[in-house]
């Protein structure tokens, strides 16, 4: 099963904790600019919240985001035939 970019961002935050956009972009394999747009969309869906810690914004999952990311990870692992 292939995850969308937004879904990969959620799972990345679940697995790696709060991250800057640049760190998310590197882990997901997208540009920082593209990541910023995706993060904004996920914020609007109440899946990610951001905190400004100068000079960067740090992103973390909301409670709803954690729930969604866990389900995505579980589905992805089952599709790949991996056990927990």
Protein backbone atom coordinates (compact mmCIF):
# COMPACT_ATOMS: atom_id res chain seq x y z
CA UNK A 1 0.00 0.00 0.00
CA UNK A 2 1.27 3.41 -0.89
CA UNK A 3 0.73 6.30 1.47
CA UNK A 4 0.03 9.79 0.19
CA UNK A 5 2.43 12.60 1.03
CA UNK A 6 0.10 13.86 3.75
CA UNK A 7 -0.20 10.39 5.22
CA UNK A 8 3.59 9.91 5.15
CA UNK A 9 3.99 13.20 7.04
CA UNK A 10 1.60 12.00 9.74
CA UNK A 11 3.39 8.66 10.14
CA UNK A 12 6.78 10.42 10.17
CA UNK A 13 5.64 12.68 13.01
CA UNK A 14 4.25 9.66 14.86
CA UNK A 15 7.54 7.79 14.58
CA UNK A 16 9.94 10.71 15.11
CA UNK A 17 8.17 13.15 17.40
CA UNK A 18 7.94 16.90 16.89
CA UNK A 19 9.90 18.04 13.85
CA UNK A 20 10.72 21.17 11.87
CA UNK A 21 9.43 21.38 8.30
CA UNK A 22 12.96 20.87 6.98
CA UNK A 23 13.31 17.62 8.95
CA UNK A 24 9.91 16.36 7.81
CA UNK A 25 10.76 17.21 4.21
CA UNK A 26 14.03 15.26 4.35
CA UNK A 27 12.41 12.19 5.91
CA UNK A 28 9.45 12.19 3.52
CA UNK A 29 11.52 13.05 0.43
CA UNK A 30 9.88 16.32 -0.58
CA UNK A 31 10.95 19.95 -0.73
CA UNK A 32 10.59 22.15 2.32
CA UNK A 33 8.23 24.42 0.39
CA UNK A 34 5.97 21.47 -0.54
CA UNK A 35 6.13 20.26 3.07
CA UNK A 36 5.03 23.66 4.35
CA UNK A 37 1.93 23.52 2.17
CA UNK A 38 1.11 19.99 3.28
CA UNK A 39 1.58 20.94 6.95
CA UNK A 40 -0.84 23.85 6.48
CA UNK A 41 -3.44 21.49 5.01
CA UNK A 42 -2.97 19.02 7.88
CA UNK A 43 -3.31 21.87 10.39
CA UNK A 44 -6.61 22.87 8.79
CA UNK A 45 -7.76 19.26 9.23
CA UNK A 46 -6.78 19.45 12.95
CA UNK A 47 -4.19 16.66 12.56
CA UNK A 48 -1.06 18.75 13.22
CA UNK A 49 -0.37 21.69 15.47
CA UNK A 50 2.64 23.95 15.23
CA UNK A 51 4.54 25.96 17.79
CA UNK A 52 6.92 28.75 16.92
CA UNK A 53 10.23 28.15 18.62
CA UNK A 54 12.47 30.78 17.03
CA UNK A 55 13.76 30.64 14.44
CA UNK A 56 11.60 27.70 13.28
CA UNK A 57 8.14 26.27 13.60
CA UNK A 58 7.96 22.86 15.28
CA UNK A 59 5.16 20.52 14.20
CA UNK A 60 3.53 17.80 16.25
CA UNK A 61 0.47 15.64 15.96
CA UNK A 62 -2.78 16.55 17.68
CA UNK A 63 -4.59 13.80 19.57
CA UNK A 64 -6.70 13.23 16.46
CA UNK A 65 -3.53 13.19 14.34
CA UNK A 66 -1.98 10.52 16.56
CA UNK A 67 -5.06 8.34 16.15
CA UNK A 68 -5.10 8.74 12.36
CA UNK A 69 -1.32 8.18 12.05
CA UNK A 70 -1.49 5.00 14.13
CA UNK A 71 -4.25 3.61 11.92
CA UNK A 72 -2.32 4.51 8.76
CA UNK A 73 0.81 2.84 10.08
CA UNK A 74 -1.12 -0.29 11.05
CA UNK A 75 -2.83 -0.52 7.65
CA UNK A 76 0.45 0.09 5.83
CA UNK A 77 2.28 -2.58 7.84
CA UNK A 78 -0.48 -5.12 7.28
CA UNK A 79 -0.44 -4.37 3.56
CA UNK A 80 3.31 -4.97 3.50
CA UNK A 81 2.94 -8.21 5.46
CA UNK A 82 4.81 -6.91 8.51
CA UNK A 83 3.94 -7.83 12.08
CA UNK A 84 3.89 -5.32 14.91
